[in-house]
């Protein structure tokens, strides 16, 4: 209780109060679980808060209750409902807590599972390529849903994995109900596109506008760098890892390398791209976010207000939930 009061800056916290309803988020969850680990010497992944979001529930896990099947990649954010489950694949950081608000907005009849990197046994290597991740995640998904049609959604980097999962399912004779790419850049995107976008922008600006542009970009990069540093400072400092994955920083490095190495074939179906409306200059040149030609059934684009970082936050996530509901079984 004292830890929660300090992290959430609240004077009173009940043991059945929900961490997120009290104002918590995934980053505050990391801080809280680091303190819990320092006090009880037991590591809990931040995704634990998806299914144990009260002090009473976290305490039960610290006392030995298993929150889910050991080694599973699936987090049952909302496992109940009459519709086929929606499996949401993590982004570049391996975090699935971000899908919690989306699950609430989709309603009590829509099961939703977060799909995250597995906890590897000592000496075992986690999946390190997009294809390996897709194969590993599908093993656990089939334990919940043995047969299709399957409904997949991938956030950013997770879009690559969801796309590869769809390809593997089709190759095994399974059907897909939905392949949703949540503001995900396709594998045809390269860093050169980012550089080219900046150059094209600069060439059309006057001297004063160029200076303002550089100043604005420098400010944006500074803010982004501070955000990344704050997120990963505990791991860079050698503190215990509470983020999802083998170690938080390892997940980021693995996923970055997997992104650069992924060379997919064509998926024999349709994909839905839910694209943030506020895009940086280097993305504006391609409305399909570099997914063109990779799905034989085409790429349908649905704009979602806000930026890339907003898509699973209010109010943007409310629009995303409404758009997704039209495609869920």
C-alpha atoms as a PDB file:
ATOM      1  CA  UNK A   1       0.000   0.000   0.000  1.00  0.00           C
ATOM      2  CA  UNK A   2       2.826   2.387   0.863  1.00  0.00           C
ATOM      3  CA  UNK A   3       4.520   1.752  -2.492  1.00  0.00           C
ATOM      4  CA  UNK A   4       1.309   2.426  -4.422  1.00  0.00           C
ATOM      5  CA  UNK A   5       0.616   5.589  -2.435  1.00  0.00           C
ATOM      6  CA  UNK A   6       4.089   6.901  -3.214  1.00  0.00           C
ATOM      7  CA  UNK A   7       4.092   5.918  -6.915  1.00  0.00           C
ATOM      8  CA  UNK A   8       0.580   7.247  -7.546  1.00  0.00           C
ATOM      9  CA  UNK A   9       0.988  10.256  -5.191  1.00  0.00           C
ATOM     10  CA  UNK A  10      -2.192   9.342  -3.304  1.00  0.00           C
ATOM     11  CA  UNK A  11      -2.866   9.512   0.415  1.00  0.00           C
ATOM     12  CA  UNK A  12      -5.238   6.556   0.463  1.00  0.00           C
ATOM     13  CA  UNK A  13      -5.249   3.339  -1.573  1.00  0.00           C
ATOM     14  CA  UNK A  14      -7.534   0.364  -0.955  1.00  0.00           C
ATOM     15  CA  UNK A  15      -6.328  -3.193  -1.535  1.00  0.00           C
ATOM     16  CA  UNK A  16      -9.112  -3.727  -4.114  1.00  0.00           C
ATOM     17  CA  UNK A  17      -8.574  -0.421  -5.960  1.00  0.00           C
ATOM     18  CA  UNK A  18      -7.538  -0.787  -9.600  1.00  0.00           C
ATOM     19  CA  UNK A  19      -4.035   0.500 -10.381  1.00  0.00           C
ATOM     20  CA  UNK A  20      -5.070   2.009 -13.725  1.00  0.00           C
ATOM     21  CA  UNK A  21      -8.267   3.554 -12.419  1.00  0.00           C
ATOM     22  CA  UNK A  22      -6.152   5.279  -9.769  1.00  0.00           C
ATOM     23  CA  UNK A  23      -4.115   6.968 -12.523  1.00  0.00           C
ATOM     24  CA  UNK A  24      -1.428   4.351 -13.139  1.00  0.00           C
ATOM     25  CA  UNK A  25       0.037   3.536 -16.537  1.00  0.00           C
ATOM     26  CA  UNK A  26       2.678   1.151 -17.866  1.00  0.00           C
ATOM     27  CA  UNK A  27       5.626   3.388 -16.921  1.00  0.00           C
ATOM     28  CA  UNK A  28       4.345   3.903 -13.369  1.00  0.00           C
ATOM     29  CA  UNK A  29       3.748   0.159 -13.310  1.00  0.00           C
ATOM     30  CA  UNK A  30       7.424  -0.427 -14.103  1.00  0.00           C
ATOM     31  CA  UNK A  31       8.466   1.846 -11.228  1.00  0.00           C
ATOM     32  CA  UNK A  32       6.070   0.126  -8.863  1.00  0.00           C
ATOM     33  CA  UNK A  33       7.202  -3.396  -9.792  1.00  0.00           C
ATOM     34  CA  UNK A  34      10.863  -2.434  -9.448  1.00  0.00           C
ATOM     35  CA  UNK A  35      10.146  -1.366  -5.878  1.00  0.00           C
ATOM     36  CA  UNK A  36       8.170  -4.549  -5.260  1.00  0.00           C
ATOM     37  CA  UNK A  37      11.094  -6.596  -6.557  1.00  0.00           C
ATOM     38  CA  UNK A  38      13.573  -4.730  -4.360  1.00  0.00           C
ATOM     39  CA  UNK A  39      11.371  -5.385  -1.308  1.00  0.00           C
ATOM     40  CA  UNK A  40      10.280  -9.001  -1.927  1.00  0.00           C
ATOM     41  CA  UNK A  41      13.071 -10.200  -4.267  1.00  0.00           C
ATOM     42  CA  UNK A  42      10.568 -11.521  -6.774  1.00  0.00           C
ATOM     43  CA  UNK A  43      10.378 -10.281 -10.346  1.00  0.00           C
ATOM     44  CA  UNK A  44       6.954  -9.607 -11.850  1.00  0.00           C
ATOM     45  CA  UNK A  45       6.522  -8.565 -15.458  1.00  0.00           C
ATOM     46  CA  UNK A  46       4.551  -5.395 -16.061  1.00  0.00           C
ATOM     47  CA  UNK A  47       1.995  -7.407 -18.059  1.00  0.00           C
ATOM     48  CA  UNK A  48       1.019  -8.977 -14.720  1.00  0.00           C
ATOM     49  CA  UNK A  49      -0.956  -5.775 -14.124  1.00  0.00           C
ATOM     50  CA  UNK A  50      -3.282  -6.706 -16.989  1.00  0.00           C
ATOM     51  CA  UNK A  51      -4.679  -9.563 -14.921  1.00  0.00           C
ATOM     52  CA  UNK A  52      -3.653  -8.528 -11.402  1.00  0.00           C
ATOM     53  CA  UNK A  53      -4.341  -4.815 -11.139  1.00  0.00           C
ATOM     54  CA  UNK A  54      -5.155  -4.576  -7.424  1.00  0.00           C
ATOM     55  CA  UNK A  55      -2.911  -4.826  -4.378  1.00  0.00           C
ATOM     56  CA  UNK A  56      -4.818  -7.910  -3.249  1.00  0.00           C
ATOM     57  CA  UNK A  57      -4.174  -9.666  -6.577  1.00  0.00           C
ATOM     58  CA  UNK A  58      -0.492  -8.668  -6.770  1.00  0.00           C
ATOM     59  CA  UNK A  59      -0.005  -9.853  -3.179  1.00  0.00           C
ATOM     60  CA  UNK A  60      -1.502 -13.252  -4.060  1.00  0.00           C
ATOM     61  CA  UNK A  61       1.043 -13.621  -6.877  1.00  0.00           C
ATOM     62  CA  UNK A  62       3.872 -12.659  -4.529  1.00  0.00           C
ATOM     63  CA  UNK A  63       2.574 -15.393  -2.209  1.00  0.00           C
ATOM     64  CA  UNK A  64       2.921 -17.965  -4.992  1.00  0.00           C
ATOM     65  CA  UNK A  65      -0.247 -17.825  -7.102  1.00  0.00           C
ATOM     66  CA  UNK A  66       0.515 -18.296 -10.801  1.00  0.00           C
ATOM     67  CA  UNK A  67      -0.996 -15.471 -12.895  1.00  0.00           C
ATOM     68  CA  UNK A  68      -0.866 -17.546 -16.110  1.00  0.00           C
ATOM     69  CA  UNK A  69       0.662 -20.650 -17.608  1.00  0.00           C
ATOM     70  CA  UNK A  70       4.415 -20.652 -17.093  1.00  0.00           C
ATOM     71  CA  UNK A  71       6.253 -19.652 -20.249  1.00  0.00           C
ATOM     72  CA  UNK A  72       3.114 -18.651 -22.142  1.00  0.00           C
ATOM     73  CA  UNK A  73       3.196 -15.684 -24.515  1.00  0.00           C
ATOM     74  CA  UNK A  74      -0.495 -14.948 -23.934  1.00  0.00           C
ATOM     75  CA  UNK A  75      -1.876 -12.462 -21.434  1.00  0.00           C
ATOM     76  CA  UNK A  76      -5.665 -12.853 -21.046  1.00  0.00           C
ATOM     77  CA  UNK A  77      -6.522  -9.174 -20.793  1.00  0.00           C
ATOM     78  CA  UNK A  78     -10.212 -10.033 -21.301  1.00  0.00           C
ATOM     79  CA  UNK A  79     -10.673 -13.787 -21.899  1.00  0.00           C
ATOM     80  CA  UNK A  80     -14.493 -13.914 -21.730  1.00  0.00           C
ATOM     81  CA  UNK A  81     -17.066 -13.274 -24.438  1.00  0.00           C
ATOM     82  CA  UNK A  82     -19.059 -14.859 -27.236  1.00  0.00           C
ATOM     83  CA  UNK A  83     -16.925 -13.614 -30.149  1.00  0.00           C
ATOM     84  CA  UNK A  84     -13.688 -15.153 -31.490  1.00  0.00           C
ATOM     85  CA  UNK A  85     -10.704 -13.753 -29.564  1.00  0.00           C
ATOM     86  CA  UNK A  86      -8.619 -10.877 -30.852  1.00  0.00           C
ATOM     87  CA  UNK A  87      -4.890 -11.519 -30.425  1.00  0.00           C
ATOM     88  CA  UNK A  88      -2.914  -8.265 -30.094  1.00  0.00           C
ATOM     89  CA  UNK A  89       0.830  -8.516 -30.745  1.00  0.00           C
ATOM     90  CA  UNK A  90       3.217  -6.280 -28.803  1.00  0.00           C
ATOM     91  CA  UNK A  91       5.098  -3.298 -30.210  1.00  0.00           C
ATOM     92  CA  UNK A  92       8.850  -2.708 -30.280  1.00  0.00           C
ATOM     93  CA  UNK A  93       9.145  -2.635 -26.463  1.00  0.00           C
ATOM     94  CA  UNK A  94       7.286  -5.903 -25.870  1.00  0.00           C
ATOM     95  CA  UNK A  95       4.590  -4.204 -23.784  1.00  0.00           C
ATOM     96  CA  UNK A  96       0.959  -5.442 -23.877  1.00  0.00           C
ATOM     97  CA  UNK A  97      -0.493  -3.337 -21.035  1.00  0.00           C
ATOM     98  CA  UNK A  98      -1.151  -0.718 -23.725  1.00  0.00           C
ATOM     99  CA  UNK A  99      -4.038  -2.875 -25.068  1.00  0.00           C
ATOM    100  CA  UNK A 100      -6.008  -2.670 -21.829  1.00  0.00           C
ATOM    101  CA  UNK A 101      -8.073   0.423 -22.717  1.00  0.00           C
ATOM    102  CA  UNK A 102      -8.792  -0.968 -26.197  1.00  0.00           C
ATOM    103  CA  UNK A 103     -10.094  -4.162 -24.601  1.00  0.00           C
ATOM    104  CA  UNK A 104     -12.439  -2.217 -22.337  1.00  0.00           C
ATOM    105  CA  UNK A 105     -13.817  -0.227 -25.268  1.00  0.00           C
ATOM    106  CA  UNK A 106     -14.416  -3.365 -27.351  1.00  0.00           C
ATOM    107  CA  UNK A 107     -16.772  -4.549 -24.628  1.00  0.00           C
ATOM    108  CA  UNK A 108     -17.354  -7.604 -22.409  1.00  0.00           C
ATOM    109  CA  UNK A 109     -18.318  -9.892 -25.312  1.00  0.00           C
ATOM    110  CA  UNK A 110     -14.978  -9.467 -27.125  1.00  0.00           C
ATOM    111  CA  UNK A 111     -12.159 -11.670 -25.770  1.00  0.00           C
ATOM    112  CA  UNK A 112      -8.754 -10.054 -26.146  1.00  0.00           C
ATOM    113  CA  UNK A 113      -5.328 -11.544 -25.488  1.00  0.00           C
ATOM    114  CA  UNK A 114      -2.060  -9.656 -25.427  1.00  0.00           C
ATOM    115  CA  UNK A 115       0.794 -11.510 -27.126  1.00  0.00           C
ATOM    116  CA  UNK A 116       4.213 -10.763 -25.643  1.00  0.00           C
ATOM    117  CA  UNK A 117       7.762 -12.183 -25.790  1.00  0.00           C
ATOM    118  CA  UNK A 118       8.076 -15.379 -23.749  1.00  0.00           C
ATOM    119  CA  UNK A 119      10.108 -15.733 -20.607  1.00  0.00           C
ATOM    120  CA  UNK A 120      13.006 -17.938 -21.631  1.00  0.00           C
ATOM    121  CA  UNK A 121      14.295 -20.732 -19.435  1.00  0.00           C
ATOM    122  CA  UNK A 122      17.877 -20.292 -18.190  1.00  0.00           C
ATOM    123  CA  UNK A 123      20.269 -20.882 -21.073  1.00  0.00           C
ATOM    124  CA  UNK A 124      17.486 -20.885 -23.685  1.00  0.00           C
ATOM    125  CA  UNK A 125      17.336 -18.250 -26.405  1.00  0.00           C
ATOM    126  CA  UNK A 126      14.135 -16.301 -27.096  1.00  0.00           C
ATOM    127  CA  UNK A 127      12.856 -16.063 -30.686  1.00  0.00           C
ATOM    128  CA  UNK A 128      14.979 -13.459 -32.446  1.00  0.00           C
ATOM    129  CA  UNK A 129      13.477 -13.188 -35.945  1.00  0.00           C
ATOM    130  CA  UNK A 130       9.998 -12.189 -37.080  1.00  0.00           C
ATOM    131  CA  UNK A 131       9.408 -15.697 -38.463  1.00  0.00           C
ATOM    132  CA  UNK A 132      10.516 -17.349 -35.210  1.00  0.00           C
ATOM    133  CA  UNK A 133       8.297 -15.034 -33.167  1.00  0.00           C
ATOM    134  CA  UNK A 134       5.306 -15.771 -35.404  1.00  0.00           C
ATOM    135  CA  UNK A 135       5.809 -19.527 -35.063  1.00  0.00           C
ATOM    136  CA  UNK A 136       6.241 -19.334 -31.276  1.00  0.00           C
ATOM    137  CA  UNK A 137       3.229 -17.091 -30.743  1.00  0.00           C
ATOM    138  CA  UNK A 138       1.001 -19.276 -32.911  1.00  0.00           C
ATOM    139  CA  UNK A 139       1.818 -22.290 -30.741  1.00  0.00           C
ATOM    140  CA  UNK A 140       0.296 -20.552 -27.720  1.00  0.00           C
ATOM    141  CA  UNK A 141      -2.593 -19.061 -29.683  1.00  0.00           C
ATOM    142  CA  UNK A 142      -3.623 -22.536 -30.852  1.00  0.00           C
ATOM    143  CA  UNK A 143      -3.825 -23.622 -27.198  1.00  0.00           C
ATOM    144  CA  UNK A 144      -6.651 -21.094 -26.807  1.00  0.00           C
ATOM    145  CA  UNK A 145      -8.121 -21.336 -30.308  1.00  0.00           C
ATOM    146  CA  UNK A 146      -7.225 -24.565 -32.156  1.00  0.00           C
ATOM    147  CA  UNK A 147      -8.917 -23.574 -35.445  1.00  0.00           C
ATOM    148  CA  UNK A 148      -9.587 -20.415 -37.419  1.00  0.00           C
ATOM    149  CA  UNK A 149     -10.745 -17.985 -38.451  1.00  0.00           C
ATOM    150  CA  UNK A 150      -8.108 -16.059 -36.486  1.00  0.00           C
ATOM    151  CA  UNK A 151      -8.254 -12.357 -35.657  1.00  0.00           C
ATOM    152  CA  UNK A 152      -4.859 -10.688 -35.327  1.00  0.00           C
ATOM    153  CA  UNK A 153      -3.785  -7.121 -34.576  1.00  0.00           C
ATOM    154  CA  UNK A 154      -0.174  -5.941 -34.477  1.00  0.00           C
ATOM    155  CA  UNK A 155       0.985  -2.651 -32.990  1.00  0.00           C
ATOM    156  CA  UNK A 156       3.816  -0.957 -34.923  1.00  0.00           C
ATOM    157  CA  UNK A 157       6.587  -3.615 -34.917  1.00  0.00           C
ATOM    158  CA  UNK A 158       3.899  -6.144 -33.993  1.00  0.00           C
ATOM    159  CA  UNK A 159       2.330  -5.522 -37.405  1.00  0.00           C
ATOM    160  CA  UNK A 160       5.277  -7.329 -38.993  1.00  0.00           C
ATOM    161  CA  UNK A 161       4.766 -10.279 -36.673  1.00  0.00           C
ATOM    162  CA  UNK A 162       0.990 -10.333 -37.231  1.00  0.00           C
ATOM    163  CA  UNK A 163       1.578 -10.271 -40.994  1.00  0.00           C
ATOM    164  CA  UNK A 164       4.011 -13.201 -40.754  1.00  0.00           C
ATOM    165  CA  UNK A 165       1.610 -15.102 -38.492  1.00  0.00           C
ATOM    166  CA  UNK A 166      -1.092 -14.661 -41.130  1.00  0.00           C
ATOM    167  CA  UNK A 167       1.259 -15.994 -43.819  1.00  0.00           C
ATOM    168  CA  UNK A 168       2.107 -19.054 -41.731  1.00  0.00           C
ATOM    169  CA  UNK A 169      -1.546 -19.728 -40.918  1.00  0.00           C
ATOM    170  CA  UNK A 170      -2.523 -19.614 -44.593  1.00  0.00           C
ATOM    171  CA  UNK A 171       0.385 -21.926 -45.440  1.00  0.00           C
ATOM    172  CA  UNK A 172      -1.079 -24.406 -42.933  1.00  0.00           C
ATOM    173  CA  UNK A 173      -4.551 -24.213 -44.442  1.00  0.00           C
ATOM    174  CA  UNK A 174      -6.059 -21.943 -41.777  1.00  0.00           C
ATOM    175  CA  UNK A 175      -8.330 -18.950 -42.362  1.00  0.00           C
ATOM    176  CA  UNK A 176      -8.058 -15.361 -41.122  1.00  0.00           C
ATOM    177  CA  UNK A 177     -10.926 -13.174 -40.017  1.00  0.00           C
ATOM    178  CA  UNK A 178      -8.792 -10.058 -39.617  1.00  0.00           C
ATOM    179  CA  UNK A 179      -5.199  -8.934 -39.998  1.00  0.00           C
ATOM    180  CA  UNK A 180      -5.068  -5.457 -38.454  1.00  0.00           C
ATOM    181  CA  UNK A 181      -1.908  -3.333 -38.669  1.00  0.00           C
ATOM    182  CA  UNK A 182      -1.989  -0.634 -35.995  1.00  0.00           C
ATOM    183  CA  UNK A 183       0.062   2.227 -37.443  1.00  0.00           C
ATOM    184  CA  UNK A 184       2.682  -0.252 -38.567  1.00  0.00           C
ATOM    185  CA  UNK A 185       5.312   0.450 -41.221  1.00  0.00           C
ATOM    186  CA  UNK A 186       5.762  -2.337 -43.730  1.00  0.00           C
ATOM    187  CA  UNK A 187       9.039  -4.200 -44.258  1.00  0.00           C
ATOM    188  CA  UNK A 188       9.665  -2.153 -47.406  1.00  0.00           C
ATOM    189  CA  UNK A 189      10.236   0.890 -45.193  1.00  0.00           C
ATOM    190  CA  UNK A 190      13.906   1.800 -44.896  1.00  0.00           C
ATOM    191  CA  UNK A 191      15.758   4.540 -43.054  1.00  0.00           C
ATOM    192  CA  UNK A 192      16.483   6.163 -46.426  1.00  0.00           C
ATOM    193  CA  UNK A 193      12.792   7.094 -46.660  1.00  0.00           C
ATOM    194  CA  UNK A 194      13.096   9.068 -43.447  1.00  0.00           C
ATOM    195  CA  UNK A 195      16.197  10.897 -44.698  1.00  0.00           C
ATOM    196  CA  UNK A 196      14.649  11.565 -48.094  1.00  0.00           C
ATOM    197  CA  UNK A 197      11.554  13.055 -46.464  1.00  0.00           C
ATOM    198  CA  UNK A 198      13.636  15.502 -44.432  1.00  0.00           C
ATOM    199  CA  UNK A 199      15.691  16.528 -47.484  1.00  0.00           C
ATOM    200  CA  UNK A 200      12.586  17.124 -49.615  1.00  0.00           C
ATOM    201  CA  UNK A 201      11.069  19.218 -46.852  1.00  0.00           C
ATOM    202  CA  UNK A 202      14.209  21.331 -46.391  1.00  0.00           C
ATOM    203  CA  UNK A 203      14.615  22.019 -50.132  1.00  0.00           C
ATOM    204  CA  UNK A 204      11.259  23.778 -50.247  1.00  0.00           C
ATOM    205  CA  UNK A 205      11.921  26.065 -47.290  1.00  0.00           C
ATOM    206  CA  UNK A 206      13.441  29.534 -47.182  1.00  0.00           C
ATOM    207  CA  UNK A 207      16.469  30.353 -45.024  1.00  0.00           C
ATOM    208  CA  UNK A 208      14.460  31.443 -42.003  1.00  0.00           C
ATOM    209  CA  UNK A 209      12.056  28.516 -42.358  1.00  0.00           C
ATOM    210  CA  UNK A 210      15.034  26.121 -42.565  1.00  0.00           C
ATOM    211  CA  UNK A 211      16.360  27.432 -39.261  1.00  0.00           C
ATOM    212  CA  UNK A 212      12.936  27.081 -37.644  1.00  0.00           C
ATOM    213  CA  UNK A 213      12.596  23.560 -39.055  1.00  0.00           C
ATOM    214  CA  UNK A 214      15.964  22.485 -37.635  1.00  0.00           C
ATOM    215  CA  UNK A 215      15.063  24.049 -34.293  1.00  0.00           C
ATOM    216  CA  UNK A 216      11.701  22.274 -34.237  1.00  0.00           C
ATOM    217  CA  UNK A 217      13.217  18.915 -35.191  1.00  0.00           C
ATOM    218  CA  UNK A 218      15.981  19.256 -32.610  1.00  0.00           C
ATOM    219  CA  UNK A 219      13.353  19.943 -29.928  1.00  0.00           C
ATOM    220  CA  UNK A 220      11.321  16.903 -31.015  1.00  0.00           C
ATOM    221  CA  UNK A 221      14.368  14.629 -31.034  1.00  0.00           C
ATOM    222  CA  UNK A 222      15.348  15.921 -27.593  1.00  0.00           C
ATOM    223  CA  UNK A 223      11.922  15.145 -26.134  1.00  0.00           C
ATOM    224  CA  UNK A 224      11.871  11.688 -27.732  1.00  0.00           C
ATOM    225  CA  UNK A 225      15.381  10.956 -26.461  1.00  0.00           C
ATOM    226  CA  UNK A 226      14.379  11.949 -22.929  1.00  0.00           C
ATOM    227  CA  UNK A 227      11.343   9.679 -23.140  1.00  0.00           C
ATOM    228  CA  UNK A 228      13.389   6.717 -24.321  1.00  0.00           C
ATOM    229  CA  UNK A 229      16.071   7.400 -21.699  1.00  0.00           C
ATOM    230  CA  UNK A 230      13.524   7.589 -18.880  1.00  0.00           C
ATOM    231  CA  UNK A 231      11.974   4.336 -20.014  1.00  0.00           C
ATOM    232  CA  UNK A 232      15.216   2.401 -20.245  1.00  0.00           C
ATOM    233  CA  UNK A 233      17.363   4.044 -17.553  1.00  0.00           C
ATOM    234  CA  UNK A 234      16.633   1.307 -14.976  1.00  0.00           C
ATOM    235  CA  UNK A 235      17.970  -1.333 -17.355  1.00  0.00           C
ATOM    236  CA  UNK A 236      20.985   0.685 -18.484  1.00  0.00           C
ATOM    237  CA  UNK A 237      21.829   1.197 -14.824  1.00  0.00           C
ATOM    238  CA  UNK A 238      21.735  -2.570 -14.249  1.00  0.00           C
ATOM    239  CA  UNK A 239      18.600  -2.555 -12.085  1.00  0.00           C
ATOM    240  CA  UNK A 240      16.173  -5.501 -12.166  1.00  0.00           C
ATOM    241  CA  UNK A 241      14.022  -5.702 -15.287  1.00  0.00           C
ATOM    242  CA  UNK A 242      10.287  -5.363 -14.831  1.00  0.00           C
ATOM    243  CA  UNK A 243       9.280  -4.720 -18.418  1.00  0.00           C
ATOM    244  CA  UNK A 244       8.068  -7.631 -20.525  1.00  0.00           C
ATOM    245  CA  UNK A 245      10.650  -9.829 -22.170  1.00  0.00           C
ATOM    246  CA  UNK A 246      13.878 -11.614 -21.214  1.00  0.00           C
ATOM    247  CA  UNK A 247      15.200  -8.161 -20.195  1.00  0.00           C
ATOM    248  CA  UNK A 248      13.609  -4.901 -21.242  1.00  0.00           C
ATOM    249  CA  UNK A 249      16.612  -3.598 -23.186  1.00  0.00           C
ATOM    250  CA  UNK A 250      17.135  -7.020 -24.805  1.00  0.00           C
ATOM    251  CA  UNK A 251      13.583  -6.990 -26.184  1.00  0.00           C
ATOM    252  CA  UNK A 252      14.150  -3.623 -27.855  1.00  0.00           C
ATOM    253  CA  UNK A 253      17.460  -4.719 -29.410  1.00  0.00           C
ATOM    254  CA  UNK A 254      16.044  -8.052 -30.612  1.00  0.00           C
ATOM    255  CA  UNK A 255      13.015  -6.406 -32.199  1.00  0.00           C
ATOM    256  CA  UNK A 256      15.090  -3.722 -33.912  1.00  0.00           C
ATOM    257  CA  UNK A 257      17.355  -6.357 -35.486  1.00  0.00           C
ATOM    258  CA  UNK A 258      14.351  -8.478 -36.444  1.00  0.00           C
ATOM    259  CA  UNK A 259      12.759  -5.491 -38.194  1.00  0.00           C
ATOM    260  CA  UNK A 260      15.818  -4.862 -40.358  1.00  0.00           C
ATOM    261  CA  UNK A 261      16.234  -8.546 -41.267  1.00  0.00           C
ATOM    262  CA  UNK A 262      12.611  -9.357 -42.132  1.00  0.00           C
ATOM    263  CA  UNK A 263      12.015 -10.111 -45.825  1.00  0.00           C
ATOM    264  CA  UNK A 264       8.489 -11.469 -46.224  1.00  0.00           C
ATOM    265  CA  UNK A 265       6.702 -13.086 -49.092  1.00  0.00           C
ATOM    266  CA  UNK A 266       3.210 -12.093 -50.204  1.00  0.00           C
ATOM    267  CA  UNK A 267       0.241 -12.779 -47.931  1.00  0.00           C
ATOM    268  CA  UNK A 268      -2.678 -14.319 -49.823  1.00  0.00           C
ATOM    269  CA  UNK A 269      -5.315 -12.151 -48.239  1.00  0.00           C
ATOM    270  CA  UNK A 270      -6.406  -8.665 -47.221  1.00  0.00           C
ATOM    271  CA  UNK A 271      -4.964  -6.506 -44.433  1.00  0.00           C
ATOM    272  CA  UNK A 272      -6.475  -3.525 -42.644  1.00  0.00           C
ATOM    273  CA  UNK A 273      -4.116  -0.635 -41.917  1.00  0.00           C
ATOM    274  CA  UNK A 274      -5.241   1.686 -39.101  1.00  0.00           C
ATOM    275  CA  UNK A 275      -3.087   4.704 -39.842  1.00  0.00           C
ATOM    276  CA  UNK A 276      -2.464   7.657 -37.528  1.00  0.00           C
ATOM    277  CA  UNK A 277      -3.570  10.866 -39.227  1.00  0.00           C
ATOM    278  CA  UNK A 278      -0.685  12.963 -37.895  1.00  0.00           C
ATOM    279  CA  UNK A 279       2.327  11.501 -39.662  1.00  0.00           C
ATOM    280  CA  UNK A 280       5.880  12.760 -39.899  1.00  0.00           C
ATOM    281  CA  UNK A 281       7.012  14.090 -43.268  1.00  0.00           C
ATOM    282  CA  UNK A 282       8.883  10.970 -44.372  1.00  0.00           C
ATOM    283  CA  UNK A 283       5.716   8.842 -44.099  1.00  0.00           C
ATOM    284  CA  UNK A 284       3.439  11.183 -46.016  1.00  0.00           C
ATOM    285  CA  UNK A 285       4.731  10.004 -49.402  1.00  0.00           C
ATOM    286  CA  UNK A 286       3.248   6.517 -48.940  1.00  0.00           C
ATOM    287  CA  UNK A 287      -0.376   6.294 -47.741  1.00  0.00           C
ATOM    288  CA  UNK A 288      -0.004   2.506 -47.438  1.00  0.00           C
ATOM    289  CA  UNK A 289       2.945   2.841 -45.042  1.00  0.00           C
ATOM    290  CA  UNK A 290       5.098   0.657 -47.337  1.00  0.00           C
ATOM    291  CA  UNK A 291       2.723  -2.339 -47.265  1.00  0.00           C
ATOM    292  CA  UNK A 292       1.813  -2.006 -50.945  1.00  0.00           C
ATOM    293  CA  UNK A 293       2.164  -5.203 -52.987  1.00  0.00           C
ATOM    294  CA  UNK A 294       2.560  -7.480 -49.953  1.00  0.00           C
ATOM    295  CA  UNK A 295      -1.089  -8.539 -49.592  1.00  0.00           C
ATOM    296  CA  UNK A 296      -2.720 -10.035 -52.668  1.00  0.00           C
ATOM    297  CA  UNK A 297      -6.141  -9.068 -51.315  1.00  0.00           C
ATOM    298  CA  UNK A 298      -5.099  -5.436 -50.953  1.00  0.00           C
ATOM    299  CA  UNK A 299      -4.494  -2.996 -48.108  1.00  0.00           C
ATOM    300  CA  UNK A 300      -7.512  -1.116 -46.752  1.00  0.00           C
ATOM    301  CA  UNK A 301      -6.605   2.095 -44.911  1.00  0.00           C
ATOM    302  CA  UNK A 302      -8.566   3.552 -41.994  1.00  0.00           C
ATOM    303  CA  UNK A 303      -7.420   6.912 -40.564  1.00  0.00           C
ATOM    304  CA  UNK A 304      -7.248   7.284 -36.784  1.00  0.00           C
ATOM    305  CA  UNK A 305      -6.875  10.775 -35.287  1.00  0.00           C
ATOM    306  CA  UNK A 306      -3.660  11.636 -33.479  1.00  0.00           C
ATOM    307  CA  UNK A 307      -0.067  10.499 -33.738  1.00  0.00           C
ATOM    308  CA  UNK A 308       1.647   7.119 -33.702  1.00  0.00           C
ATOM    309  CA  UNK A 309       1.997   7.291 -29.914  1.00  0.00           C
ATOM    310  CA  UNK A 310      -1.685   8.237 -29.475  1.00  0.00           C
ATOM    311  CA  UNK A 311      -3.334   5.331 -31.270  1.00  0.00           C
ATOM    312  CA  UNK A 312      -3.951   3.286 -28.094  1.00  0.00           C
ATOM    313  CA  UNK A 313      -4.620   6.320 -25.882  1.00  0.00           C
ATOM    314  CA  UNK A 314      -7.753   8.370 -25.351  1.00  0.00           C
ATOM    315  CA  UNK A 315      -9.374   9.839 -27.355  1.00  0.00           C
ATOM    316  CA  UNK A 316      -7.782   8.154 -30.413  1.00  0.00           C
ATOM    317  CA  UNK A 317      -8.276   4.635 -29.069  1.00  0.00           C
ATOM    318  CA  UNK A 318     -12.035   5.188 -28.954  1.00  0.00           C
ATOM    319  CA  UNK A 319     -12.040   5.749 -32.717  1.00  0.00           C
ATOM    320  CA  UNK A 320      -9.772   2.742 -33.230  1.00  0.00           C
ATOM    321  CA  UNK A 321     -12.098   0.530 -31.175  1.00  0.00           C
ATOM    322  CA  UNK A 322     -15.108   1.632 -33.222  1.00  0.00           C
ATOM    323  CA  UNK A 323     -13.294   0.902 -36.484  1.00  0.00           C
ATOM    324  CA  UNK A 324     -12.104  -2.497 -35.283  1.00  0.00           C
ATOM    325  CA  UNK A 325     -15.563  -3.543 -34.097  1.00  0.00           C
ATOM    326  CA  UNK A 326     -16.807  -3.408 -37.675  1.00  0.00           C
ATOM    327  CA  UNK A 327     -14.317  -6.160 -38.614  1.00  0.00           C
ATOM    328  CA  UNK A 328     -14.566  -8.461 -35.598  1.00  0.00           C
ATOM    329  CA  UNK A 329     -16.641 -11.639 -35.667  1.00  0.00           C
END
